[in-house]
N, C-alpha and C. Protein backbone atom coordinates (compact mmCIF):
# COMPACT_ATOMS: atom_id res chain seq x y z
N UNK A 1 0.84 -1.19 0.00
CA UNK A 1 0.00 0.00 0.00
C UNK A 1 0.88 1.25 0.00
N UNK A 2 0.60 2.17 -0.87
CA UNK A 2 1.39 3.40 -0.98
C UNK A 2 1.11 4.32 0.21
N UNK A 3 2.14 5.09 0.57
CA UNK A 3 1.96 6.07 1.65
C UNK A 3 0.95 7.12 1.22
N UNK A 4 0.15 7.55 2.18
CA UNK A 4 -0.79 8.63 1.90
C UNK A 4 -0.06 9.94 1.75
N UNK A 5 -0.52 10.74 0.79
CA UNK A 5 -0.01 12.11 0.64
C UNK A 5 -0.82 13.00 1.57
N UNK A 6 -0.13 13.70 2.45
CA UNK A 6 -0.80 14.55 3.44
C UNK A 6 -0.30 15.97 3.30
N UNK A 7 -1.23 16.91 3.36
CA UNK A 7 -0.89 18.34 3.35
C UNK A 7 -1.29 18.94 4.69
N UNK A 8 -0.36 19.68 5.28
CA UNK A 8 -0.63 20.44 6.50
C UNK A 8 -0.63 21.90 6.09
N UNK A 9 -1.79 22.55 6.20
CA UNK A 9 -1.95 23.92 5.73
C UNK A 9 -2.29 24.84 6.89
N UNK A 10 -1.47 25.87 7.07
CA UNK A 10 -1.75 26.89 8.08
C UNK A 10 -2.38 28.09 7.40
N UNK A 11 -3.53 28.52 7.89
CA UNK A 11 -4.23 29.64 7.26
C UNK A 11 -4.34 30.81 8.24
N UNK A 12 -4.58 31.99 7.68
CA UNK A 12 -4.80 33.18 8.49
C UNK A 12 -3.97 34.35 8.01
N UNK A 13 -4.42 35.52 8.35
CA UNK A 13 -3.77 36.76 7.94
C UNK A 13 -2.88 37.27 9.05
N UNK A 14 -1.56 37.29 8.83
CA UNK A 14 -0.61 37.72 9.86
C UNK A 14 -0.72 39.20 10.19
N UNK A 15 -1.49 39.94 9.41
CA UNK A 15 -1.65 41.38 9.67
C UNK A 15 -2.64 41.67 10.80
N UNK A 16 -3.41 40.65 11.22
CA UNK A 16 -4.44 40.86 12.22
C UNK A 16 -4.19 40.03 13.47
N UNK A 17 -3.11 40.38 14.16
CA UNK A 17 -2.78 39.79 15.46
C UNK A 17 -2.86 38.26 15.43
N UNK A 18 -3.74 37.66 16.24
CA UNK A 18 -3.79 36.21 16.38
C UNK A 18 -4.31 35.49 15.14
N UNK A 19 -4.88 36.21 14.19
CA UNK A 19 -5.42 35.60 12.97
C UNK A 19 -4.34 34.80 12.24
N UNK A 20 -3.07 35.18 12.40
CA UNK A 20 -1.98 34.51 11.71
C UNK A 20 -1.46 33.26 12.37
N UNK A 21 -2.12 32.77 13.40
CA UNK A 21 -1.57 31.65 14.17
C UNK A 21 -1.37 30.39 13.35
N UNK A 22 -2.19 30.16 12.34
CA UNK A 22 -2.01 28.97 11.49
C UNK A 22 -0.71 29.05 10.69
N UNK A 23 -0.41 30.25 10.18
CA UNK A 23 0.84 30.45 9.44
C UNK A 23 2.04 30.26 10.36
N UNK A 24 1.95 30.81 11.56
CA UNK A 24 3.06 30.66 12.52
C UNK A 24 3.25 29.20 12.92
N UNK A 25 2.14 28.49 13.09
CA UNK A 25 2.21 27.09 13.51
C UNK A 25 2.93 26.23 12.48
N UNK A 26 2.55 26.35 11.20
CA UNK A 26 3.19 25.50 10.19
C UNK A 26 4.66 25.86 10.02
N UNK A 27 5.00 27.13 10.16
CA UNK A 27 6.41 27.53 10.07
C UNK A 27 7.18 26.94 11.24
N UNK A 28 6.59 26.94 12.43
CA UNK A 28 7.22 26.35 13.62
C UNK A 28 7.50 24.87 13.39
N UNK A 29 6.51 24.15 12.87
CA UNK A 29 6.69 22.72 12.61
C UNK A 29 7.75 22.50 11.53
N UNK A 30 7.71 23.29 10.49
CA UNK A 30 8.68 23.18 9.40
C UNK A 30 10.11 23.41 9.90
N UNK A 31 10.28 24.39 10.79
CA UNK A 31 11.61 24.73 11.30
C UNK A 31 12.13 23.75 12.35
N UNK A 32 11.24 23.12 13.10
CA UNK A 32 11.66 22.32 14.25
C UNK A 32 11.52 20.82 14.10
N UNK A 33 10.92 20.35 13.01
CA UNK A 33 10.70 18.92 12.82
C UNK A 33 11.15 18.49 11.43
N UNK A 34 11.64 17.26 11.33
CA UNK A 34 11.99 16.67 10.04
C UNK A 34 10.69 16.42 9.28
N UNK A 35 10.67 16.73 8.00
CA UNK A 35 9.47 16.56 7.19
C UNK A 35 9.62 15.34 6.30
N UNK A 36 8.79 14.31 6.51
CA UNK A 36 8.88 13.13 5.64
C UNK A 36 8.40 13.47 4.22
N UNK A 37 8.77 12.62 3.27
CA UNK A 37 8.46 12.87 1.87
C UNK A 37 6.97 12.93 1.57
N UNK A 38 6.14 12.24 2.35
CA UNK A 38 4.71 12.21 2.05
C UNK A 38 3.93 13.36 2.72
N UNK A 39 4.65 14.28 3.39
CA UNK A 39 4.01 15.43 4.02
C UNK A 39 4.42 16.72 3.33
N UNK A 40 3.45 17.50 2.93
CA UNK A 40 3.68 18.82 2.35
C UNK A 40 3.17 19.85 3.35
N UNK A 41 4.04 20.79 3.72
CA UNK A 41 3.65 21.85 4.64
C UNK A 41 3.45 23.13 3.84
N UNK A 42 2.28 23.75 4.02
CA UNK A 42 1.90 24.92 3.22
C UNK A 42 1.52 26.06 4.15
N UNK A 43 2.18 27.20 3.97
CA UNK A 43 1.76 28.41 4.67
C UNK A 43 0.72 29.03 3.76
N UNK A 44 -0.55 28.71 4.05
CA UNK A 44 -1.66 29.10 3.18
C UNK A 44 -2.12 30.52 3.36
N UNK A 45 -1.74 31.15 4.47
CA UNK A 45 -2.08 32.55 4.70
C UNK A 45 -3.50 32.89 4.31
N UNK A 46 -3.63 33.74 3.31
CA UNK A 46 -4.94 34.18 2.82
C UNK A 46 -5.18 33.72 1.39
N UNK A 47 -4.61 32.58 1.02
CA UNK A 47 -4.72 32.09 -0.35
C UNK A 47 -6.12 31.62 -0.71
N UNK A 48 -6.94 31.34 0.29
CA UNK A 48 -8.35 31.01 0.06
C UNK A 48 -8.56 29.88 -0.92
N UNK A 49 -9.34 30.17 -1.97
CA UNK A 49 -9.75 29.12 -2.91
C UNK A 49 -8.60 28.54 -3.72
N UNK A 50 -7.46 29.20 -3.77
CA UNK A 50 -6.33 28.61 -4.50
C UNK A 50 -5.81 27.37 -3.79
N UNK A 51 -6.21 27.16 -2.55
CA UNK A 51 -5.81 25.95 -1.79
C UNK A 51 -6.65 24.74 -2.17
N UNK A 52 -7.68 24.94 -2.97
CA UNK A 52 -8.60 23.86 -3.30
C UNK A 52 -7.91 22.66 -3.95
N UNK A 53 -6.86 22.90 -4.71
CA UNK A 53 -6.18 21.79 -5.38
C UNK A 53 -5.63 20.78 -4.36
N UNK A 54 -5.24 21.25 -3.17
CA UNK A 54 -4.76 20.33 -2.14
C UNK A 54 -5.89 19.38 -1.71
N UNK A 55 -7.11 19.89 -1.63
CA UNK A 55 -8.25 19.06 -1.23
C UNK A 55 -8.48 17.94 -2.23
N UNK A 56 -8.12 18.19 -3.48
CA UNK A 56 -8.37 17.22 -4.54
C UNK A 56 -7.18 16.33 -4.85
N UNK A 57 -5.96 16.79 -4.57
CA UNK A 57 -4.77 16.04 -4.96
C UNK A 57 -4.11 15.27 -3.82
N UNK A 58 -4.55 15.51 -2.59
CA UNK A 58 -3.95 14.85 -1.44
C UNK A 58 -4.95 13.90 -0.80
N UNK A 59 -4.42 12.85 -0.17
CA UNK A 59 -5.28 11.88 0.51
C UNK A 59 -5.91 12.48 1.76
N UNK A 60 -5.13 13.33 2.43
CA UNK A 60 -5.63 13.98 3.64
C UNK A 60 -5.08 15.40 3.70
N UNK A 61 -5.95 16.33 4.11
CA UNK A 61 -5.57 17.72 4.28
C UNK A 61 -5.92 18.12 5.71
N UNK A 62 -4.92 18.61 6.43
CA UNK A 62 -5.12 19.11 7.78
C UNK A 62 -4.95 20.62 7.72
N UNK A 63 -6.02 21.35 8.05
CA UNK A 63 -6.02 22.81 7.99
C UNK A 63 -6.02 23.33 9.42
N UNK A 64 -5.11 24.27 9.72
CA UNK A 64 -4.99 24.83 11.06
C UNK A 64 -5.15 26.34 10.98
N UNK A 65 -5.99 26.90 11.85
CA UNK A 65 -6.19 28.34 11.90
C UNK A 65 -7.00 28.75 13.11
N UNK A 66 -7.48 29.98 13.09
CA UNK A 66 -8.32 30.46 14.19
C UNK A 66 -9.74 29.96 13.98
N UNK A 67 -10.48 29.91 15.07
CA UNK A 67 -11.87 29.51 15.01
C UNK A 67 -12.73 30.44 15.82
N UNK A 68 -14.00 30.46 15.51
CA UNK A 68 -14.90 31.38 16.21
C UNK A 68 -15.85 30.68 17.17
N UNK A 69 -15.58 29.41 17.45
CA UNK A 69 -16.43 28.72 18.42
C UNK A 69 -16.23 29.33 19.78
N UNK A 70 -17.22 29.20 20.61
CA UNK A 70 -17.13 29.81 21.94
C UNK A 70 -16.17 29.01 22.82
N UNK A 71 -15.61 29.71 23.78
CA UNK A 71 -14.67 29.09 24.71
C UNK A 71 -13.57 30.06 25.03
N UNK A 72 -12.82 29.76 26.07
CA UNK A 72 -11.72 30.66 26.42
C UNK A 72 -10.62 30.63 25.37
N UNK A 73 -9.80 31.65 25.38
CA UNK A 73 -8.65 31.72 24.47
C UNK A 73 -7.84 30.44 24.61
N UNK A 74 -7.47 29.87 23.47
CA UNK A 74 -6.68 28.66 23.47
C UNK A 74 -7.48 27.38 23.35
N UNK A 75 -8.81 27.48 23.36
CA UNK A 75 -9.64 26.29 23.20
C UNK A 75 -9.42 25.72 21.81
N UNK A 76 -9.10 24.43 21.75
CA UNK A 76 -8.82 23.75 20.49
C UNK A 76 -10.05 22.95 20.07
N UNK A 77 -10.41 23.07 18.81
CA UNK A 77 -11.48 22.27 18.22
C UNK A 77 -10.93 21.54 17.01
N UNK A 78 -11.34 20.30 16.83
CA UNK A 78 -10.91 19.51 15.68
C UNK A 78 -12.14 18.84 15.09
N UNK A 79 -12.37 19.11 13.79
CA UNK A 79 -13.55 18.57 13.11
C UNK A 79 -13.17 18.07 11.73
N UNK A 80 -13.81 16.98 11.33
CA UNK A 80 -13.61 16.51 9.96
C UNK A 80 -14.61 17.24 9.05
N UNK A 81 -14.53 16.98 7.76
CA UNK A 81 -15.35 17.70 6.78
C UNK A 81 -16.84 17.54 7.06
N UNK A 82 -17.26 16.33 7.42
CA UNK A 82 -18.68 16.09 7.69
C UNK A 82 -19.16 16.91 8.88
N UNK A 83 -18.33 16.99 9.92
CA UNK A 83 -18.70 17.78 11.10
C UNK A 83 -18.76 19.27 10.78
N UNK A 84 -17.82 19.73 9.96
CA UNK A 84 -17.83 21.14 9.56
C UNK A 84 -19.10 21.45 8.80
N UNK A 85 -19.46 20.58 7.87
CA UNK A 85 -20.67 20.80 7.07
C UNK A 85 -21.94 20.74 7.93
N UNK A 86 -21.97 19.84 8.90
CA UNK A 86 -23.15 19.71 9.77
C UNK A 86 -23.33 20.93 10.66
N UNK A 87 -22.22 21.60 10.97
CA UNK A 87 -22.25 22.78 11.86
C UNK A 87 -21.93 24.04 11.09
N UNK A 88 -22.30 24.11 9.81
CA UNK A 88 -21.84 25.23 8.99
C UNK A 88 -22.29 26.59 9.51
N UNK A 89 -23.43 26.69 10.20
CA UNK A 89 -23.83 27.98 10.77
C UNK A 89 -22.85 28.41 11.86
N UNK A 90 -22.32 27.44 12.60
CA UNK A 90 -21.38 27.74 13.68
C UNK A 90 -19.97 27.96 13.16
N UNK A 91 -19.69 27.56 11.91
CA UNK A 91 -18.33 27.69 11.40
C UNK A 91 -18.25 28.67 10.23
N UNK A 92 -19.14 29.62 10.16
CA UNK A 92 -19.09 30.61 9.09
C UNK A 92 -19.11 32.02 9.67
N UNK A 93 -18.30 32.24 10.68
CA UNK A 93 -18.28 33.55 11.32
C UNK A 93 -17.10 34.41 10.89
N UNK A 94 -16.06 33.79 10.33
CA UNK A 94 -14.91 34.54 9.85
C UNK A 94 -14.70 34.23 8.37
N UNK A 95 -13.93 35.07 7.70
CA UNK A 95 -13.67 34.86 6.27
C UNK A 95 -13.03 33.50 6.01
N UNK A 96 -12.06 33.11 6.85
CA UNK A 96 -11.41 31.81 6.66
C UNK A 96 -12.39 30.66 6.81
N UNK A 97 -13.28 30.75 7.80
CA UNK A 97 -14.25 29.68 8.01
C UNK A 97 -15.22 29.58 6.83
N UNK A 98 -15.63 30.71 6.29
CA UNK A 98 -16.52 30.70 5.14
C UNK A 98 -15.83 30.04 3.95
N UNK A 99 -14.57 30.42 3.69
CA UNK A 99 -13.84 29.85 2.55
C UNK A 99 -13.63 28.35 2.72
N UNK A 100 -13.26 27.91 3.92
CA UNK A 100 -13.03 26.48 4.15
C UNK A 100 -14.32 25.70 3.94
N UNK A 101 -15.41 26.18 4.51
CA UNK A 101 -16.69 25.50 4.35
C UNK A 101 -17.11 25.45 2.89
N UNK A 102 -16.93 26.55 2.18
CA UNK A 102 -17.30 26.57 0.76
C UNK A 102 -16.42 25.63 -0.07
N UNK A 103 -15.12 25.57 0.25
CA UNK A 103 -14.23 24.65 -0.48
C UNK A 103 -14.64 23.21 -0.24
N UNK A 104 -14.99 22.88 1.00
CA UNK A 104 -15.43 21.52 1.31
C UNK A 104 -16.72 21.22 0.54
N UNK A 105 -17.66 22.17 0.51
CA UNK A 105 -18.90 21.98 -0.25
C UNK A 105 -18.62 21.71 -1.72
N UNK A 106 -17.79 22.54 -2.32
CA UNK A 106 -17.48 22.40 -3.75
C UNK A 106 -16.75 21.09 -4.02
N UNK A 107 -15.73 20.80 -3.22
CA UNK A 107 -14.94 19.59 -3.45
C UNK A 107 -15.72 18.32 -3.18
N UNK A 108 -16.73 18.40 -2.31
CA UNK A 108 -17.50 17.19 -1.99
C UNK A 108 -18.29 16.67 -3.19
N UNK A 109 -18.45 17.50 -4.22
CA UNK A 109 -19.12 17.05 -5.44
C UNK A 109 -18.20 16.20 -6.31
N UNK A 110 -16.91 16.22 -6.01
CA UNK A 110 -15.94 15.45 -6.78
C UNK A 110 -15.56 14.19 -6.02
N UNK A 111 -15.40 13.12 -6.74
CA UNK A 111 -15.05 11.85 -6.12
C UNK A 111 -13.63 11.85 -5.57
N UNK A 112 -12.77 12.74 -6.07
CA UNK A 112 -11.36 12.71 -5.71
C UNK A 112 -11.00 13.63 -4.54
N UNK A 113 -11.98 14.00 -3.72
CA UNK A 113 -11.67 14.85 -2.57
C UNK A 113 -11.06 14.00 -1.46
N UNK A 114 -9.92 14.51 -0.91
CA UNK A 114 -9.28 13.81 0.19
C UNK A 114 -10.01 14.06 1.49
N UNK A 115 -9.57 13.35 2.51
CA UNK A 115 -10.12 13.54 3.86
C UNK A 115 -9.64 14.91 4.36
N UNK A 116 -10.53 15.66 5.00
CA UNK A 116 -10.19 17.00 5.50
C UNK A 116 -10.41 17.03 7.01
N UNK A 117 -9.43 17.57 7.72
CA UNK A 117 -9.54 17.78 9.17
C UNK A 117 -9.22 19.24 9.44
N UNK A 118 -10.09 19.92 10.15
CA UNK A 118 -9.91 21.33 10.50
C UNK A 118 -9.61 21.42 11.99
N UNK A 119 -8.45 22.00 12.31
CA UNK A 119 -8.06 22.22 13.70
C UNK A 119 -8.04 23.73 13.92
N UNK A 120 -8.83 24.19 14.88
CA UNK A 120 -8.88 25.62 15.14
C UNK A 120 -8.59 25.90 16.61
N UNK A 121 -8.12 27.12 16.85
CA UNK A 121 -7.89 27.59 18.21
C UNK A 121 -8.61 28.92 18.38
N UNK A 122 -9.26 29.09 19.52
CA UNK A 122 -9.94 30.34 19.82
C UNK A 122 -8.87 31.40 20.08
N UNK A 123 -8.88 32.51 19.32
CA UNK A 123 -7.88 33.57 19.49
C UNK A 123 -8.32 34.57 20.55
N UNK A 124 -7.42 35.48 20.87
CA UNK A 124 -7.77 36.58 21.77
C UNK A 124 -8.20 37.81 20.96
N UNK A 125 -7.45 38.12 19.89
CA UNK A 125 -7.72 39.33 19.11
C UNK A 125 -7.38 39.07 17.65
N UNK A 126 -8.39 39.19 16.78
CA UNK A 126 -8.15 39.09 15.33
C UNK A 126 -8.65 40.35 14.64
N UNK A 127 -8.83 41.42 15.42
CA UNK A 127 -9.34 42.68 14.89
C UNK A 127 -8.22 43.71 14.72
N UNK A 128 -7.39 43.87 15.76
CA UNK A 128 -6.33 44.88 15.72
C UNK A 128 -5.33 44.56 14.61
N UNK A 129 -4.94 45.58 13.86
CA UNK A 129 -3.95 45.42 12.81
C UNK A 129 -2.58 45.48 13.45
N UNK A 130 -1.94 44.30 13.54
CA UNK A 130 -0.63 44.22 14.17
C UNK A 130 0.00 42.88 13.82
N UNK A 131 1.25 42.92 13.34
CA UNK A 131 2.01 41.70 13.06
C UNK A 131 2.55 41.16 14.37
N UNK A 132 1.76 40.40 15.07
CA UNK A 132 2.18 39.84 16.35
C UNK A 132 1.11 38.86 16.80
N UNK A 133 1.31 38.31 17.98
CA UNK A 133 0.28 37.53 18.64
C UNK A 133 0.09 38.10 20.03
N UNK A 134 -1.13 38.02 20.51
CA UNK A 134 -1.37 38.46 21.88
C UNK A 134 -0.69 37.47 22.83
N UNK A 135 -0.24 37.94 23.99
CA UNK A 135 0.37 37.02 24.97
C UNK A 135 -0.56 35.87 25.35
N UNK A 136 -1.86 36.15 25.40
CA UNK A 136 -2.84 35.12 25.77
C UNK A 136 -2.86 33.97 24.76
N UNK A 137 -2.88 34.30 23.48
CA UNK A 137 -2.90 33.27 22.44
C UNK A 137 -1.54 32.60 22.28
N UNK A 138 -0.48 33.39 22.36
CA UNK A 138 0.88 32.85 22.23
C UNK A 138 1.15 31.78 23.28
N UNK A 139 0.66 32.00 24.49
CA UNK A 139 0.86 31.04 25.57
C UNK A 139 0.20 29.69 25.27
N UNK A 140 -0.80 29.68 24.39
CA UNK A 140 -1.54 28.46 24.06
C UNK A 140 -0.99 27.73 22.83
N UNK A 141 -0.01 28.32 22.15
CA UNK A 141 0.50 27.71 20.92
C UNK A 141 1.11 26.31 21.12
N UNK A 142 1.81 26.04 22.23
CA UNK A 142 2.30 24.66 22.40
C UNK A 142 1.17 23.62 22.42
N UNK A 143 0.01 23.98 22.93
CA UNK A 143 -1.13 23.07 22.92
C UNK A 143 -1.61 22.83 21.50
N UNK A 144 -1.60 23.88 20.68
CA UNK A 144 -1.99 23.73 19.27
C UNK A 144 -0.97 22.88 18.52
N UNK A 145 0.31 23.05 18.81
CA UNK A 145 1.34 22.20 18.19
C UNK A 145 1.06 20.75 18.55
N UNK A 146 0.80 20.48 19.82
CA UNK A 146 0.53 19.11 20.29
C UNK A 146 -0.68 18.51 19.57
N UNK A 147 -1.77 19.29 19.45
CA UNK A 147 -2.97 18.81 18.77
C UNK A 147 -2.68 18.50 17.30
N UNK A 148 -1.87 19.33 16.66
CA UNK A 148 -1.52 19.13 15.25
C UNK A 148 -0.64 17.90 15.08
N UNK A 149 0.35 17.74 15.96
CA UNK A 149 1.22 16.56 15.89
C UNK A 149 0.41 15.28 16.15
N UNK A 150 -0.56 15.35 17.06
CA UNK A 150 -1.43 14.19 17.31
C UNK A 150 -2.24 13.82 16.07
N UNK A 151 -2.78 14.84 15.39
CA UNK A 151 -3.57 14.57 14.18
C UNK A 151 -2.69 13.99 13.08
N UNK A 152 -1.47 14.50 12.96
CA UNK A 152 -0.53 13.93 11.98
C UNK A 152 -0.23 12.47 12.33
N UNK A 153 0.00 12.19 13.61
CA UNK A 153 0.28 10.81 14.05
C UNK A 153 -0.91 9.91 13.76
N UNK A 154 -2.13 10.40 13.99
CA UNK A 154 -3.34 9.64 13.68
C UNK A 154 -3.44 9.35 12.18
N UNK A 155 -2.76 10.16 11.39
CA UNK A 155 -2.77 10.01 9.92
C UNK A 155 -1.57 9.20 9.43
N UNK A 156 -0.79 8.67 10.38
CA UNK A 156 0.35 7.84 10.01
C UNK A 156 1.65 8.60 9.83
N UNK A 157 1.70 9.87 10.23
CA UNK A 157 2.91 10.67 10.10
C UNK A 157 3.38 11.09 11.49
N UNK A 158 4.48 10.47 11.93
CA UNK A 158 5.06 10.84 13.22
C UNK A 158 6.29 11.69 12.94
N UNK A 159 6.24 12.93 13.40
CA UNK A 159 7.35 13.83 13.14
C UNK A 159 8.43 13.71 14.21
N UNK A 160 9.67 13.81 13.76
CA UNK A 160 10.83 13.73 14.65
C UNK A 160 11.42 15.11 14.78
N UNK A 161 11.67 15.52 16.02
CA UNK A 161 12.22 16.85 16.27
C UNK A 161 13.66 16.92 15.74
N UNK A 162 14.02 18.05 15.14
CA UNK A 162 15.38 18.26 14.65
C UNK A 162 16.33 18.40 15.84
N UNK A 163 17.57 18.06 15.62
CA UNK A 163 18.58 18.12 16.67
C UNK A 163 19.00 19.56 16.97
N UNK A 164 18.89 20.43 16.00
CA UNK A 164 19.32 21.82 16.17
C UNK A 164 18.49 22.55 17.24
N UNK A 165 18.96 23.72 17.63
CA UNK A 165 18.25 24.53 18.61
C UNK A 165 16.84 24.85 18.12
N UNK A 166 15.90 24.90 19.04
CA UNK A 166 14.51 25.19 18.70
C UNK A 166 14.37 26.61 18.16
N UNK A 167 13.61 26.73 17.07
CA UNK A 167 13.23 28.03 16.55
C UNK A 167 11.92 28.38 17.27
N UNK A 168 11.91 29.46 18.03
CA UNK A 168 10.76 29.80 18.86
C UNK A 168 9.66 30.50 18.07
N UNK A 169 8.47 30.47 18.63
CA UNK A 169 7.37 31.22 18.01
C UNK A 169 7.69 32.70 17.97
N UNK A 170 8.33 33.21 19.02
CA UNK A 170 8.67 34.63 19.06
C UNK A 170 9.58 35.01 17.89
N UNK A 171 10.57 34.16 17.58
CA UNK A 171 11.47 34.49 16.47
C UNK A 171 10.77 34.36 15.12
N UNK A 172 9.85 33.42 15.00
CA UNK A 172 9.09 33.26 13.76
C UNK A 172 8.19 34.48 13.55
N UNK A 173 7.49 34.89 14.59
CA UNK A 173 6.61 36.05 14.50
C UNK A 173 7.42 37.30 14.16
N UNK A 174 8.58 37.44 14.78
CA UNK A 174 9.45 38.59 14.51
C UNK A 174 9.89 38.60 13.03
N UNK A 175 10.25 37.43 12.51
CA UNK A 175 10.68 37.34 11.11
C UNK A 175 9.54 37.69 10.15
N UNK A 176 8.33 37.27 10.46
CA UNK A 176 7.18 37.63 9.62
C UNK A 176 6.92 39.13 9.67
N UNK A 177 7.06 39.72 10.86
CA UNK A 177 6.77 41.15 11.03
C UNK A 177 7.87 42.04 10.47
N UNK A 178 9.09 41.49 10.32
CA UNK A 178 10.25 42.26 9.86
C UNK A 178 10.97 41.52 8.73
N UNK A 179 10.29 41.31 7.61
CA UNK A 179 10.92 40.54 6.52
C UNK A 179 12.12 41.28 5.93
N UNK A 180 13.06 40.49 5.48
CA UNK A 180 14.25 41.03 4.81
C UNK A 180 14.28 40.47 3.40
N UNK A 181 14.67 41.26 2.45
CA UNK A 181 14.73 40.81 1.07
C UNK A 181 15.65 39.60 0.93
N UNK A 182 16.70 39.52 1.73
CA UNK A 182 17.63 38.39 1.65
C UNK A 182 16.98 37.09 2.08
N UNK A 183 15.89 37.16 2.84
CA UNK A 183 15.17 35.95 3.23
C UNK A 183 14.43 35.33 2.05
N UNK A 184 14.17 36.12 1.02
CA UNK A 184 13.35 35.67 -0.10
C UNK A 184 14.10 35.58 -1.42
N UNK A 185 15.22 36.28 -1.55
CA UNK A 185 15.95 36.35 -2.81
C UNK A 185 17.41 36.01 -2.56
N UNK A 186 17.96 35.17 -3.41
CA UNK A 186 19.39 34.89 -3.35
C UNK A 186 20.11 36.10 -3.96
N UNK A 187 20.73 36.91 -3.10
CA UNK A 187 21.32 38.17 -3.53
C UNK A 187 22.57 37.96 -4.41
N UNK A 188 23.18 36.78 -4.37
CA UNK A 188 24.38 36.55 -5.16
C UNK A 188 24.12 36.67 -6.66
N UNK A 189 22.89 36.45 -7.09
CA UNK A 189 22.59 36.55 -8.51
C UNK A 189 22.67 37.99 -9.03
N UNK A 190 22.66 38.96 -8.12
CA UNK A 190 22.72 40.36 -8.53
C UNK A 190 24.13 40.95 -8.43
N UNK A 191 25.07 40.16 -7.90
CA UNK A 191 26.43 40.64 -7.74
C UNK A 191 27.26 40.10 -8.89
N UNK A 192 28.04 41.01 -9.52
CA UNK A 192 28.86 40.54 -10.65
C UNK A 192 30.29 40.34 -10.25
């Protein structure tokens, strides 16, 4: 039996405080864990419907982001596609939730849709325009990492921590808030 192709997608807008937690989470996992060949890690940010191809081309898609379900900051919810669709009124309060629900609806008409699991965390603030996370939500990120690693393990992917020093959430958030051109472009190509 062939290994399942799994995509781990972090969604959210890093410009709105805790809204970017999905992007920060996948970057944290990418930096701190070895990635097996059958796992694709995607910083989906605000790509919305362009992520639909993952739903159709992968055996399983795990989407991580903020959620609007009630509960204290840091409350983790995990639902499969059927549960999301059954509770669509409760999961259509933010732009990301609307897009995810609509993508599941559209893809469910195709026979080639993979299994979808949505993991969300209740944020503290997704309104204020700020490249950061609130201390309240940041303190809960290790729990979200644990929930994500558990879901990956349930899907047959056990990640091994890298031997190098841990890249912290604080340093990841700082890098997102203060990007450098050298982080994105190999500058040697411009030097003669």
